[in-house]
Amino acid sequence: MDRGAGVAVLVDLGSAVLTVKALLAEGDELPTGTRLLDAPFVEGAVAAVVSASAGAGLEAVVAAAAEARTYRKT
């Protein structure tokens, strides 16, 4: 069974970060294979989904979402 490369958690506000950490973290660490993304919500989500659907690994998905912060809109 394919268990995937991991889980990328994209949050919209600081309070969501605290909630995710409270629910998932053991001590100060998230479970193995889980990454909390510091990325713009919509652009980061699109970049992460496109990367993941193309078969990218977790670290590449995280990088794609973070890179979305640099996208120019004008």
PDB file of N, CA and C in Angstrom:
ATOM      1  N   MET A   1       0.831  -1.169   0.000  1.00  0.00           N
ATOM      2  CA  MET A   1       0.000   0.000   0.000  1.00  0.00           C
ATOM      3  C   MET A   1       0.882   1.241   0.000  1.00  0.00           C
ATOM      4  N   ASP A   2       0.575   2.180  -0.893  1.00  0.00           N
ATOM      5  CA  ASP A   2       1.305   3.444  -0.948  1.00  0.00           C
ATOM      6  C   ASP A   2       0.833   4.336   0.188  1.00  0.00           C
ATOM      7  N   ARG A   3       1.734   4.716   1.073  1.00  0.00           N
ATOM      8  CA  ARG A   3       1.376   5.557   2.215  1.00  0.00           C
ATOM      9  C   ARG A   3       1.728   7.018   1.950  1.00  0.00           C
ATOM     10  N   GLY A   4       2.173   7.342   0.744  1.00  0.00           N
ATOM     11  CA  GLY A   4       2.494   8.721   0.410  1.00  0.00           C
ATOM     12  C   GLY A   4       3.846   9.149   0.941  1.00  0.00           C
ATOM     13  N   ALA A   5       4.211  10.360   0.591  1.00  0.00           N
ATOM     14  CA  ALA A   5       5.511  10.895   0.983  1.00  0.00           C
ATOM     15  C   ALA A   5       5.445  11.674   2.283  1.00  0.00           C
ATOM     16  N   GLY A   6       4.246  11.967   2.752  1.00  0.00           N
ATOM     17  CA  GLY A   6       4.094  12.740   3.974  1.00  0.00           C
ATOM     18  C   GLY A   6       2.899  13.657   3.882  1.00  0.00           C
ATOM     19  N   VAL A   7       2.825  14.567   4.818  1.00  0.00           N
ATOM     20  CA  VAL A   7       1.692  15.492   4.891  1.00  0.00           C
ATOM     21  C   VAL A   7       2.228  16.916   4.982  1.00  0.00           C
ATOM     22  N   ALA A   8       1.756  17.767   4.077  1.00  0.00           N
ATOM     23  CA  ALA A   8       2.082  19.185   4.105  1.00  0.00           C
ATOM     24  C   ALA A   8       0.867  19.917   4.653  1.00  0.00           C
ATOM     25  N   VAL A   9       1.033  20.599   5.766  1.00  0.00           N
ATOM     26  CA  VAL A   9      -0.077  21.302   6.414  1.00  0.00           C
ATOM     27  C   VAL A   9       0.062  22.794   6.130  1.00  0.00           C
ATOM     28  N   LEU A  10      -0.916  23.329   5.413  1.00  0.00           N
ATOM     29  CA  LEU A  10      -0.919  24.745   5.065  1.00  0.00           C
ATOM     30  C   LEU A  10      -1.948  25.449   5.940  1.00  0.00           C
ATOM     31  N   VAL A  11      -1.530  26.485   6.626  1.00  0.00           N
ATOM     32  CA  VAL A  11      -2.425  27.192   7.554  1.00  0.00           C
ATOM     33  C   VAL A  11      -2.596  28.637   7.108  1.00  0.00           C
ATOM     34  N   ASP A  12      -3.705  29.248   7.529  1.00  0.00           N
ATOM     35  CA  ASP A  12      -3.993  30.609   7.092  1.00  0.00           C
ATOM     36  C   ASP A  12      -3.656  31.685   8.120  1.00  0.00           C
ATOM     37  N   LEU A  13      -3.683  31.368   9.391  1.00  0.00           N
ATOM     38  CA  LEU A  13      -3.437  32.362  10.439  1.00  0.00           C
ATOM     39  C   LEU A  13      -2.555  31.789  11.536  1.00  0.00           C
ATOM     40  N   GLY A  14      -1.981  32.669  12.325  1.00  0.00           N
ATOM     41  CA  GLY A  14      -1.134  32.226  13.429  1.00  0.00           C
ATOM     42  C   GLY A  14      -1.845  31.311  14.403  1.00  0.00           C
ATOM     43  N   SER A  15      -3.131  31.562  14.633  1.00  0.00           N
ATOM     44  CA  SER A  15      -3.867  30.700  15.557  1.00  0.00           C
ATOM     45  C   SER A  15      -4.004  29.285  15.007  1.00  0.00           C
ATOM     46  N   ALA A  16      -4.045  29.158  13.686  1.00  0.00           N
ATOM     47  CA  ALA A  16      -4.107  27.827  13.076  1.00  0.00           C
ATOM     48  C   ALA A  16      -2.802  27.071  13.301  1.00  0.00           C
ATOM     49  N   VAL A  17      -1.694  27.778  13.288  1.00  0.00           N
ATOM     50  CA  VAL A  17      -0.396  27.156  13.576  1.00  0.00           C
ATOM     51  C   VAL A  17      -0.410  26.587  14.992  1.00  0.00           C
ATOM     52  N   LEU A  18      -0.886  27.373  15.929  1.00  0.00           N
ATOM     53  CA  LEU A  18      -0.953  26.913  17.318  1.00  0.00           C
ATOM     54  C   LEU A  18      -1.868  25.704  17.456  1.00  0.00           C
ATOM     55  N   THR A  19      -2.987  25.706  16.745  1.00  0.00           N
ATOM     56  CA  THR A  19      -3.923  24.583  16.802  1.00  0.00           C
ATOM     57  C   THR A  19      -3.297  23.318  16.244  1.00  0.00           C
ATOM     58  N   VAL A  20      -2.647  23.424  15.087  1.00  0.00           N
ATOM     59  CA  VAL A  20      -1.998  22.256  14.481  1.00  0.00           C
ATOM     60  C   VAL A  20      -0.942  21.696  15.416  1.00  0.00           C
ATOM     61  N   LYS A  21      -0.127  22.557  15.965  1.00  0.00           N
ATOM     62  CA  LYS A  21       0.924  22.091  16.874  1.00  0.00           C
ATOM     63  C   LYS A  21       0.328  21.449  18.124  1.00  0.00           C
ATOM     64  N   ALA A  22      -0.740  22.015  18.635  1.00  0.00           N
ATOM     65  CA  ALA A  22      -1.373  21.448  19.833  1.00  0.00           C
ATOM     66  C   ALA A  22      -1.971  20.074  19.548  1.00  0.00           C
ATOM     67  N   LEU A  23      -2.536  19.894  18.369  1.00  0.00           N
ATOM     68  CA  LEU A  23      -3.187  18.628  18.041  1.00  0.00           C
ATOM     69  C   LEU A  23      -2.217  17.550  17.580  1.00  0.00           C
ATOM     70  N   LEU A  24      -1.159  17.938  16.864  1.00  0.00           N
ATOM     71  CA  LEU A  24      -0.282  16.947  16.246  1.00  0.00           C
ATOM     72  C   LEU A  24       1.062  16.759  16.924  1.00  0.00           C
ATOM     73  N   ALA A  25       1.562  17.783  17.568  1.00  0.00           N
ATOM     74  CA  ALA A  25       2.937  17.737  18.058  1.00  0.00           C
ATOM     75  C   ALA A  25       3.083  16.860  19.294  1.00  0.00           C
ATOM     76  N   GLU A  26       4.218  16.202  19.323  1.00  0.00           N
ATOM     77  CA  GLU A  26       4.641  15.469  20.515  1.00  0.00           C
ATOM     78  C   GLU A  26       5.820  16.263  21.062  1.00  0.00           C
ATOM     79  N   GLY A  27       5.600  16.975  22.133  1.00  0.00           N
ATOM     80  CA  GLY A  27       6.616  17.914  22.596  1.00  0.00           C
ATOM     81  C   GLY A  27       6.599  19.101  21.655  1.00  0.00           C
ATOM     82  N   ASP A  28       7.754  19.444  21.106  1.00  0.00           N
ATOM     83  CA  ASP A  28       7.835  20.550  20.147  1.00  0.00           C
ATOM     84  C   ASP A  28       7.930  20.065  18.708  1.00  0.00           C
ATOM     85  N   GLU A  29       7.880  18.763  18.492  1.00  0.00           N
ATOM     86  CA  GLU A  29       8.086  18.197  17.162  1.00  0.00           C
ATOM     87  C   GLU A  29       6.792  17.673  16.562  1.00  0.00           C
ATOM     88  N   LEU A  30       6.595  17.946  15.278  1.00  0.00           N
ATOM     89  CA  LEU A  30       5.474  17.351  14.552  1.00  0.00           C
ATOM     90  C   LEU A  30       5.828  15.906  14.219  1.00  0.00           C
ATOM     91  N   PRO A  31       4.833  15.073  13.944  1.00  0.00           N
ATOM     92  CA  PRO A  31       5.117  13.676  13.597  1.00  0.00           C
ATOM     93  C   PRO A  31       6.025  13.577  12.369  1.00  0.00           C
ATOM     94  N   THR A  32       6.782  12.509  12.283  1.00  0.00           N
ATOM     95  CA  THR A  32       7.658  12.259  11.141  1.00  0.00           C
ATOM     96  C   THR A  32       6.846  12.313   9.859  1.00  0.00           C
ATOM     97  N   GLY A  33       7.395  12.983   8.851  1.00  0.00           N
ATOM     98  CA  GLY A  33       6.713  13.082   7.569  1.00  0.00           C
ATOM     99  C   GLY A  33       5.652  14.161   7.514  1.00  0.00           C
ATOM    100  N   THR A  34       5.626  15.037   8.513  1.00  0.00           N
ATOM    101  CA  THR A  34       4.662  16.139   8.535  1.00  0.00           C
ATOM    102  C   THR A  34       5.424  17.455   8.502  1.00  0.00           C
ATOM    103  N   ARG A  35       5.019  18.339   7.607  1.00  0.00           N
ATOM    104  CA  ARG A  35       5.654  19.655   7.513  1.00  0.00           C
ATOM    105  C   ARG A  35       4.585  20.734   7.621  1.00  0.00           C
ATOM    106  N   LEU A  36       4.840  21.719   8.427  1.00  0.00           N
ATOM    107  CA  LEU A  36       3.977  22.887   8.559  1.00  0.00           C
ATOM    108  C   LEU A  36       4.531  23.942   7.605  1.00  0.00           C
ATOM    109  N   LEU A  37       3.739  24.347   6.623  1.00  0.00           N
ATOM    110  CA  LEU A  37       4.229  25.227   5.567  1.00  0.00           C
ATOM    111  C   LEU A  37       4.103  26.698   5.938  1.00  0.00           C
ATOM    112  N   ASP A  38       5.150  27.446   5.687  1.00  0.00           N
ATOM    113  CA  ASP A  38       5.130  28.898   5.820  1.00  0.00           C
ATOM    114  C   ASP A  38       5.036  29.446   4.402  1.00  0.00           C
ATOM    115  N   ALA A  39       3.797  29.583   3.923  1.00  0.00           N
ATOM    116  CA  ALA A  39       3.571  29.983   2.536  1.00  0.00           C
ATOM    117  C   ALA A  39       2.256  30.744   2.445  1.00  0.00           C
ATOM    118  N   PRO A  40       2.102  31.554   1.387  1.00  0.00           N
ATOM    119  CA  PRO A  40       0.815  32.213   1.188  1.00  0.00           C
ATOM    120  C   PRO A  40      -0.266  31.155   0.986  1.00  0.00           C
ATOM    121  N   PHE A  41      -1.439  31.380   1.551  1.00  0.00           N
ATOM    122  CA  PHE A  41      -2.458  30.331   1.616  1.00  0.00           C
ATOM    123  C   PHE A  41      -2.913  29.844   0.242  1.00  0.00           C
ATOM    124  N   VAL A  42      -3.439  30.712  -0.587  1.00  0.00           N
ATOM    125  CA  VAL A  42      -3.982  30.270  -1.879  1.00  0.00           C
ATOM    126  C   VAL A  42      -2.872  29.877  -2.840  1.00  0.00           C
ATOM    127  N   GLU A  43      -1.910  30.772  -3.054  1.00  0.00           N
ATOM    128  CA  GLU A  43      -0.827  30.483  -3.988  1.00  0.00           C
ATOM    129  C   GLU A  43      -0.015  29.270  -3.540  1.00  0.00           C
ATOM    130  N   GLY A  44       0.233  29.177  -2.243  1.00  0.00           N
ATOM    131  CA  GLY A  44       0.978  28.040  -1.709  1.00  0.00           C
ATOM    132  C   GLY A  44       0.229  26.736  -1.881  1.00  0.00           C
ATOM    133  N   ALA A  45      -1.085  26.772  -1.669  1.00  0.00           N
ATOM    134  CA  ALA A  45      -1.901  25.564  -1.839  1.00  0.00           C
ATOM    135  C   ALA A  45      -1.876  25.095  -3.283  1.00  0.00           C
ATOM    136  N   VAL A  46      -2.026  26.020  -4.227  1.00  0.00           N
ATOM    137  CA  VAL A  46      -2.005  25.647  -5.645  1.00  0.00           C
ATOM    138  C   VAL A  46      -0.650  25.060  -6.014  1.00  0.00           C
ATOM    139  N   ALA A  47       0.426  25.717  -5.623  1.00  0.00           N
ATOM    140  CA  ALA A  47       1.767  25.226  -5.941  1.00  0.00           C
ATOM    141  C   ALA A  47       2.023  23.858  -5.317  1.00  0.00           C
ATOM    142  N   ALA A  48       1.588  23.670  -4.080  1.00  0.00           N
ATOM    143  CA  ALA A  48       1.783  22.385  -3.400  1.00  0.00           C
ATOM    144  C   ALA A  48       1.004  21.272  -4.088  1.00  0.00           C
ATOM    145  N   VAL A  49      -0.242  21.538  -4.452  1.00  0.00           N
ATOM    146  CA  VAL A  49      -1.070  20.515  -5.103  1.00  0.00           C
ATOM    147  C   VAL A  49      -0.509  20.147  -6.470  1.00  0.00           C
ATOM    148  N   VAL A  50      -0.103  21.139  -7.238  1.00  0.00           N
ATOM    149  CA  VAL A  50       0.461  20.859  -8.562  1.00  0.00           C
ATOM    150  C   VAL A  50       1.729  20.027  -8.428  1.00  0.00           C
ATOM    151  N   SER A  51       2.599  20.392  -7.506  1.00  0.00           N
ATOM    152  CA  SER A  51       3.846  19.641  -7.304  1.00  0.00           C
ATOM    153  C   SER A  51       3.576  18.214  -6.846  1.00  0.00           C
ATOM    154  N   ALA A  52       2.695  18.070  -5.880  1.00  0.00           N
ATOM    155  CA  ALA A  52       2.386  16.735  -5.353  1.00  0.00           C
ATOM    156  C   ALA A  52       1.732  15.862  -6.415  1.00  0.00           C
ATOM    157  N   SER A  53       0.830  16.435  -7.207  1.00  0.00           N
ATOM    158  CA  SER A  53       0.146  15.634  -8.226  1.00  0.00           C
ATOM    159  C   SER A  53       1.086  15.217  -9.346  1.00  0.00           C
ATOM    160  N   ALA A  54       2.191  15.946  -9.504  1.00  0.00           N
ATOM    161  CA  ALA A  54       3.197  15.579 -10.500  1.00  0.00           C
ATOM    162  C   ALA A  54       4.183  14.552  -9.955  1.00  0.00           C
ATOM    163  N   GLY A  55       4.005  14.146  -8.699  1.00  0.00           N
ATOM    164  CA  GLY A  55       4.847  13.108  -8.121  1.00  0.00           C
ATOM    165  C   GLY A  55       6.022  13.602  -7.308  1.00  0.00           C
ATOM    166  N   ALA A  56       6.061  14.893  -7.003  1.00  0.00           N
ATOM    167  CA  ALA A  56       7.172  15.440  -6.218  1.00  0.00           C
ATOM    168  C   ALA A  56       7.137  14.901  -4.793  1.00  0.00           C
ATOM    169  N   GLY A  57       8.299  14.810  -4.191  1.00  0.00           N
ATOM    170  CA  GLY A  57       8.404  14.389  -2.799  1.00  0.00           C
ATOM    171  C   GLY A  57       7.996  15.510  -1.859  1.00  0.00           C
ATOM    172  N   LEU A  58       7.908  15.191  -0.591  1.00  0.00           N
ATOM    173  CA  LEU A  58       7.436  16.145   0.406  1.00  0.00           C
ATOM    174  C   LEU A  58       8.284  17.411   0.445  1.00  0.00           C
ATOM    175  N   GLU A  59       9.590  17.284   0.432  1.00  0.00           N
ATOM    176  CA  GLU A  59      10.450  18.474   0.509  1.00  0.00           C
ATOM    177  C   GLU A  59      10.275  19.360  -0.714  1.00  0.00           C
ATOM    178  N   ALA A  60      10.073  18.772  -1.892  1.00  0.00           N
ATOM    179  CA  ALA A  60       9.833  19.558  -3.104  1.00  0.00           C
ATOM    180  C   ALA A  60       8.484  20.261  -3.040  1.00  0.00           C
ATOM    181  N   VAL A  61       7.491  19.606  -2.461  1.00  0.00           N
ATOM    182  CA  VAL A  61       6.172  20.222  -2.290  1.00  0.00           C
ATOM    183  C   VAL A  61       6.282  21.409  -1.343  1.00  0.00           C
ATOM    184  N   VAL A  62       7.002  21.236  -0.255  1.00  0.00           N
ATOM    185  CA  VAL A  62       7.217  22.324   0.705  1.00  0.00           C
ATOM    186  C   VAL A  62       7.929  23.494   0.020  1.00  0.00           C
ATOM    187  N   ALA A  63       8.954  23.197  -0.765  1.00  0.00           N
ATOM    188  CA  ALA A  63       9.705  24.245  -1.464  1.00  0.00           C
ATOM    189  C   ALA A  63       8.831  24.978  -2.479  1.00  0.00           C
ATOM    190  N   ALA A  64       8.001  24.247  -3.208  1.00  0.00           N
ATOM    191  CA  ALA A  64       7.118  24.875  -4.194  1.00  0.00           C
ATOM    192  C   ALA A  64       6.131  25.819  -3.515  1.00  0.00           C
ATOM    193  N   ALA A  65       5.581  25.398  -2.395  1.00  0.00           N
ATOM    194  CA  ALA A  65       4.641  26.250  -1.665  1.00  0.00           C
ATOM    195  C   ALA A  65       5.339  27.506  -1.152  1.00  0.00           C
ATOM    196  N   ALA A  66       6.530  27.358  -0.608  1.00  0.00           N
ATOM    197  CA  ALA A  66       7.274  28.509  -0.090  1.00  0.00           C
ATOM    198  C   ALA A  66       7.665  29.465  -1.214  1.00  0.00           C
ATOM    199  N   GLU A  67       8.012  28.919  -2.362  1.00  0.00           N
ATOM    200  CA  GLU A  67       8.396  29.746  -3.509  1.00  0.00           C
ATOM    201  C   GLU A  67       7.224  30.599  -4.002  1.00  0.00           C
ATOM    202  N   ALA A  68       6.012  30.150  -3.753  1.00  0.00           N
ATOM    203  CA  ALA A  68       4.829  30.897  -4.186  1.00  0.00           C
ATOM    204  C   ALA A  68       4.801  32.304  -3.592  1.00  0.00           C
ATOM    205  N   ARG A  69       5.513  32.513  -2.509  1.00  0.00           N
ATOM    206  CA  ARG A  69       5.581  33.844  -1.889  1.00  0.00           C
ATOM    207  C   ARG A  69       6.202  34.863  -2.852  1.00  0.00           C
ATOM    208  N   THR A  70       7.015  34.416  -3.786  1.00  0.00           N
ATOM    209  CA  THR A  70       7.713  35.328  -4.701  1.00  0.00           C
ATOM    210  C   THR A  70       6.941  35.590  -5.989  1.00  0.00           C
ATOM    211  N   TYR A  71       5.799  34.957  -6.199  1.00  0.00           N
ATOM    212  CA  TYR A  71       5.035  35.137  -7.440  1.00  0.00           C
ATOM    213  C   TYR A  71       4.574  36.585  -7.573  1.00  0.00           C
ATOM    214  N   ARG A  72       4.805  37.143  -8.727  1.00  0.00           N
ATOM    215  CA  ARG A  72       4.346  38.503  -9.022  1.00  0.00           C
ATOM    216  C   ARG A  72       2.947  38.434  -9.615  1.00  0.00           C
ATOM    217  N   LYS A  73       2.102  39.351  -9.236  1.00  0.00           N
ATOM    218  CA  LYS A  73       0.729  39.374  -9.731  1.00  0.00           C
ATOM    219  C   LYS A  73       0.492  40.495 -10.731  1.00  0.00           C
ATOM    220  N   THR A  74       1.482  41.353 -10.884  1.00  0.00           N
ATOM    221  CA  THR A  74       1.323  42.460 -11.832  1.00  0.00           C
ATOM    222  C   THR A  74       2.487  42.507 -12.781  1.00  0.00           C
TER     223      THR A  74
END
